[in-house]
Amino acid sequence: MEPSYAEMPFRRLLLLWASFHASRIVAAMKPRYLASQINADVAASGNPEGA
């Protein structure tokens, strides 16, 4: 029994492969600043939010 992707066109397989690896790279990226740290800095500054 052959897997279903054996019948897929090469371009479709290449697109799936590229999107898989791109999503892994994006998921591995960490934000530069954590939201909790930003909230603490804003609270400590005494300025209202959005100012």
PDB file of N, CA and C in Angstrom:
ATOM      1  N   MET A   1       0.848  -1.182   0.000  1.00  0.00           N
ATOM      2  CA  MET A   1       0.000   0.000   0.000  1.00  0.00           C
ATOM      3  C   MET A   1       0.893   1.245   0.000  1.00  0.00           C
ATOM      4  N   GLU A   2       0.685   2.117  -0.977  1.00  0.00           N
ATOM      5  CA  GLU A   2       1.479   3.327  -1.104  1.00  0.00           C
ATOM      6  C   GLU A   2       0.797   4.486  -0.392  1.00  0.00           C
ATOM      7  N   PRO A   3       1.590   5.367   0.203  1.00  0.00           N
ATOM      8  CA  PRO A   3       1.005   6.551   0.858  1.00  0.00           C
ATOM      9  C   PRO A   3       0.323   7.459  -0.159  1.00  0.00           C
ATOM     10  N   SER A   4      -0.623   8.270   0.289  1.00  0.00           N
ATOM     11  CA  SER A   4      -1.382   9.121  -0.620  1.00  0.00           C
ATOM     12  C   SER A   4      -0.520  10.199  -1.261  1.00  0.00           C
ATOM     13  N   TYR A   5       0.555  10.626  -0.590  1.00  0.00           N
ATOM     14  CA  TYR A   5       1.394  11.666  -1.171  1.00  0.00           C
ATOM     15  C   TYR A   5       2.217  11.160  -2.348  1.00  0.00           C
ATOM     16  N   ALA A   6       2.264   9.859  -2.586  1.00  0.00           N
ATOM     17  CA  ALA A   6       2.993   9.321  -3.730  1.00  0.00           C
ATOM     18  C   ALA A   6       2.345   9.746  -5.042  1.00  0.00           C
ATOM     19  N   GLU A   7       1.075  10.077  -5.023  1.00  0.00           N
ATOM     20  CA  GLU A   7       0.368  10.488  -6.228  1.00  0.00           C
ATOM     21  C   GLU A   7       0.348  12.003  -6.404  1.00  0.00           C
ATOM     22  N   MET A   8       0.857  12.756  -5.419  1.00  0.00           N
ATOM     23  CA  MET A   8       0.843  14.211  -5.502  1.00  0.00           C
ATOM     24  C   MET A   8       1.892  14.695  -6.505  1.00  0.00           C
ATOM     25  N   PRO A   9       1.588  15.807  -7.196  1.00  0.00           N
ATOM     26  CA  PRO A   9       2.590  16.386  -8.093  1.00  0.00           C
ATOM     27  C   PRO A   9       3.795  16.915  -7.289  1.00  0.00           C
ATOM     28  N   PHE A  10       4.942  16.946  -7.943  1.00  0.00           N
ATOM     29  CA  PHE A  10       6.167  17.354  -7.266  1.00  0.00           C
ATOM     30  C   PHE A  10       6.071  18.785  -6.730  1.00  0.00           C
ATOM     31  N   ARG A  11       5.475  19.684  -7.488  1.00  0.00           N
ATOM     32  CA  ARG A  11       5.368  21.082  -7.045  1.00  0.00           C
ATOM     33  C   ARG A  11       4.562  21.192  -5.756  1.00  0.00           C
ATOM     34  N   ARG A  12       3.514  20.401  -5.636  1.00  0.00           N
ATOM     35  CA  ARG A  12       2.679  20.418  -4.419  1.00  0.00           C
ATOM     36  C   ARG A  12       3.480  19.889  -3.227  1.00  0.00           C
ATOM     37  N   LEU A  13       4.230  18.826  -3.428  1.00  0.00           N
ATOM     38  CA  LEU A  13       5.067  18.291  -2.356  1.00  0.00           C
ATOM     39  C   LEU A  13       6.123  19.302  -1.923  1.00  0.00           C
ATOM     40  N   LEU A  14       6.717  19.983  -2.900  1.00  0.00           N
ATOM     41  CA  LEU A  14       7.725  20.985  -2.601  1.00  0.00           C
ATOM     42  C   LEU A  14       7.119  22.139  -1.800  1.00  0.00           C
ATOM     43  N   LEU A  15       5.918  22.550  -2.166  1.00  0.00           N
ATOM     44  CA  LEU A  15       5.235  23.618  -1.440  1.00  0.00           C
ATOM     45  C   LEU A  15       4.917  23.188  -0.012  1.00  0.00           C
ATOM     46  N   LEU A  16       4.440  21.978   0.170  1.00  0.00           N
ATOM     47  CA  LEU A  16       4.155  21.469   1.518  1.00  0.00           C
ATOM     48  C   LEU A  16       5.423  21.385   2.361  1.00  0.00           C
ATOM     49  N   TRP A  17       6.506  20.920   1.754  1.00  0.00           N
ATOM     50  CA  TRP A  17       7.784  20.821   2.460  1.00  0.00           C
ATOM     51  C   TRP A  17       8.274  22.205   2.898  1.00  0.00           C
ATOM     52  N   ALA A  18       8.209  23.179   1.984  1.00  0.00           N
ATOM     53  CA  ALA A  18       8.672  24.537   2.284  1.00  0.00           C
ATOM     54  C   ALA A  18       7.816  25.190   3.360  1.00  0.00           C
ATOM     55  N   SER A  19       6.503  25.006   3.282  1.00  0.00           N
ATOM     56  CA  SER A  19       5.634  25.617   4.292  1.00  0.00           C
ATOM     57  C   SER A  19       5.827  24.965   5.655  1.00  0.00           C
ATOM     58  N   PHE A  20       6.096  23.682   5.685  1.00  0.00           N
ATOM     59  CA  PHE A  20       6.371  23.000   6.949  1.00  0.00           C
ATOM     60  C   PHE A  20       7.618  23.583   7.608  1.00  0.00           C
ATOM     61  N   HIS A  21       8.690  23.722   6.833  1.00  0.00           N
ATOM     62  CA  HIS A  21       9.927  24.240   7.410  1.00  0.00           C
ATOM     63  C   HIS A  21       9.811  25.721   7.768  1.00  0.00           C
ATOM     64  N   ALA A  22       9.079  26.486   6.984  1.00  0.00           N
ATOM     65  CA  ALA A  22       8.877  27.898   7.313  1.00  0.00           C
ATOM     66  C   ALA A  22       8.086  28.039   8.611  1.00  0.00           C
ATOM     67  N   SER A  23       7.080  27.200   8.807  1.00  0.00           N
ATOM     68  CA  SER A  23       6.305  27.279  10.048  1.00  0.00           C
ATOM     69  C   SER A  23       7.130  26.863  11.258  1.00  0.00           C
ATOM     70  N   ARG A  24       8.054  25.917  11.074  1.00  0.00           N
ATOM     71  CA  ARG A  24       8.947  25.534  12.176  1.00  0.00           C
ATOM     72  C   ARG A  24       9.869  26.682  12.553  1.00  0.00           C
ATOM     73  N   ILE A  25      10.376  27.404  11.562  1.00  0.00           N
ATOM     74  CA  ILE A  25      11.263  28.536  11.828  1.00  0.00           C
ATOM     75  C   ILE A  25      10.507  29.647  12.552  1.00  0.00           C
ATOM     76  N   VAL A  26       9.311  29.954  12.089  1.00  0.00           N
ATOM     77  CA  VAL A  26       8.510  31.002  12.726  1.00  0.00           C
ATOM     78  C   VAL A  26       8.154  30.612  14.157  1.00  0.00           C
ATOM     79  N   ALA A  27       7.813  29.355  14.380  1.00  0.00           N
ATOM     80  CA  ALA A  27       7.459  28.905  15.726  1.00  0.00           C
ATOM     81  C   ALA A  27       8.652  28.942  16.670  1.00  0.00           C
ATOM     82  N   ALA A  28       9.852  28.783  16.129  1.00  0.00           N
ATOM     83  CA  ALA A  28      11.049  28.784  16.969  1.00  0.00           C
ATOM     84  C   ALA A  28      11.479  30.190  17.376  1.00  0.00           C
ATOM     85  N   MET A  29      10.976  31.198  16.679  1.00  0.00           N
ATOM     86  CA  MET A  29      11.358  32.571  17.003  1.00  0.00           C
ATOM     87  C   MET A  29      10.738  32.979  18.330  1.00  0.00           C
ATOM     88  N   LYS A  30      11.532  33.632  19.140  1.00  0.00           N
ATOM     89  CA  LYS A  30      11.025  34.126  20.416  1.00  0.00           C
ATOM     90  C   LYS A  30      10.796  35.627  20.291  1.00  0.00           C
ATOM     91  N   PRO A  31       9.771  36.136  20.961  1.00  0.00           N
ATOM     92  CA  PRO A  31       9.546  37.582  20.908  1.00  0.00           C
ATOM     93  C   PRO A  31      10.695  38.317  21.605  1.00  0.00           C
ATOM     94  N   ARG A  32      11.005  39.501  21.111  1.00  0.00           N
ATOM     95  CA  ARG A  32      12.098  40.278  21.689  1.00  0.00           C
ATOM     96  C   ARG A  32      11.771  40.720  23.101  1.00  0.00           C
ATOM     97  N   TYR A  33      10.521  41.116  23.316  1.00  0.00           N
ATOM     98  CA  TYR A  33      10.085  41.560  24.635  1.00  0.00           C
ATOM     99  C   TYR A  33       8.862  40.752  25.045  1.00  0.00           C
ATOM    100  N   LEU A  34       8.824  40.305  26.272  1.00  0.00           N
ATOM    101  CA  LEU A  34       7.660  39.590  26.776  1.00  0.00           C
ATOM    102  C   LEU A  34       6.585  40.593  27.188  1.00  0.00           C
ATOM    103  N   ALA A  35       5.334  40.228  27.001  1.00  0.00           N
ATOM    104  CA  ALA A  35       4.226  41.122  27.339  1.00  0.00           C
ATOM    105  C   ALA A  35       4.242  41.475  28.821  1.00  0.00           C
ATOM    106  N   SER A  36       4.601  40.543  29.675  1.00  0.00           N
ATOM    107  CA  SER A  36       4.632  40.827  31.109  1.00  0.00           C
ATOM    108  C   SER A  36       5.694  41.874  31.435  1.00  0.00           C
ATOM    109  N   GLN A  37       6.830  41.836  30.725  1.00  0.00           N
ATOM    110  CA  GLN A  37       7.870  42.828  30.962  1.00  0.00           C
ATOM    111  C   GLN A  37       7.436  44.203  30.473  1.00  0.00           C
ATOM    112  N   ILE A  38       6.756  44.253  29.339  1.00  0.00           N
ATOM    113  CA  ILE A  38       6.243  45.526  28.826  1.00  0.00           C
ATOM    114  C   ILE A  38       5.228  46.111  29.793  1.00  0.00           C
ATOM    115  N   ASN A  39       4.311  45.267  30.310  1.00  0.00           N
ATOM    116  CA  ASN A  39       3.315  45.739  31.269  1.00  0.00           C
ATOM    117  C   ASN A  39       3.968  46.268  32.526  1.00  0.00           C
ATOM    118  N   ALA A  40       4.988  45.601  33.013  1.00  0.00           N
ATOM    119  CA  ALA A  40       5.681  46.053  34.213  1.00  0.00           C
ATOM    120  C   ALA A  40       6.392  47.382  33.968  1.00  0.00           C
ATOM    121  N   ASP A  41       7.007  47.540  32.814  1.00  0.00           N
ATOM    122  CA  ASP A  41       7.694  48.796  32.484  1.00  0.00           C
ATOM    123  C   ASP A  41       6.704  49.949  32.370  1.00  0.00           C
ATOM    124  N   VAL A  42       5.557  49.708  31.740  1.00  0.00           N
ATOM    125  CA  VAL A  42       4.542  50.750  31.593  1.00  0.00           C
ATOM    126  C   VAL A  42       3.991  51.146  32.971  1.00  0.00           C
ATOM    127  N   ALA A  43       3.732  50.156  33.798  1.00  0.00           N
ATOM    128  CA  ALA A  43       3.204  50.435  35.143  1.00  0.00           C
ATOM    129  C   ALA A  43       4.223  51.221  35.978  1.00  0.00           C
ATOM    130  N   ALA A  44       5.477  50.898  35.829  1.00  0.00           N
ATOM    131  CA  ALA A  44       6.527  51.568  36.611  1.00  0.00           C
ATOM    132  C   ALA A  44       6.782  52.998  36.112  1.00  0.00           C
ATOM    133  N   SER A  45       6.466  53.273  34.853  1.00  0.00           N
ATOM    134  CA  SER A  45       6.755  54.597  34.301  1.00  0.00           C
ATOM    135  C   SER A  45       5.799  55.661  34.802  1.00  0.00           C
ATOM    136  N   GLY A  46       4.604  55.279  35.231  1.00  0.00           N
ATOM    137  CA  GLY A  46       3.616  56.243  35.699  1.00  0.00           C
ATOM    138  C   GLY A  46       2.816  56.860  34.580  1.00  0.00           C
ATOM    139  N   ASN A  47       3.137  56.558  33.342  1.00  0.00           N
ATOM    140  CA  ASN A  47       2.370  57.092  32.206  1.00  0.00           C
ATOM    141  C   ASN A  47       1.174  56.176  31.938  1.00  0.00           C
ATOM    142  N   PRO A  48       0.049  56.769  31.534  1.00  0.00           N
ATOM    143  CA  PRO A  48      -1.109  55.925  31.209  1.00  0.00           C
ATOM    144  C   PRO A  48      -0.849  55.125  29.925  1.00  0.00           C
ATOM    145  N   GLU A  49      -1.559  54.028  29.782  1.00  0.00           N
ATOM    146  CA  GLU A  49      -1.402  53.210  28.587  1.00  0.00           C
ATOM    147  C   GLU A  49      -1.805  53.989  27.358  1.00  0.00           C
ATOM    148  N   GLY A  50      -1.091  53.801  26.278  1.00  0.00           N
ATOM    149  CA  GLY A  50      -1.407  54.459  25.011  1.00  0.00           C
ATOM    150  C   GLY A  50      -0.879  55.881  24.920  1.00  0.00           C
ATOM    151  N   ALA A  51      -0.197  56.367  25.943  1.00  0.00           N
ATOM    152  CA  ALA A  51       0.322  57.738  25.901  1.00  0.00           C
ATOM    153  C   ALA A  51       1.685  57.781  25.264  1.00  0.00           C
TER     154      ALA A  51
END
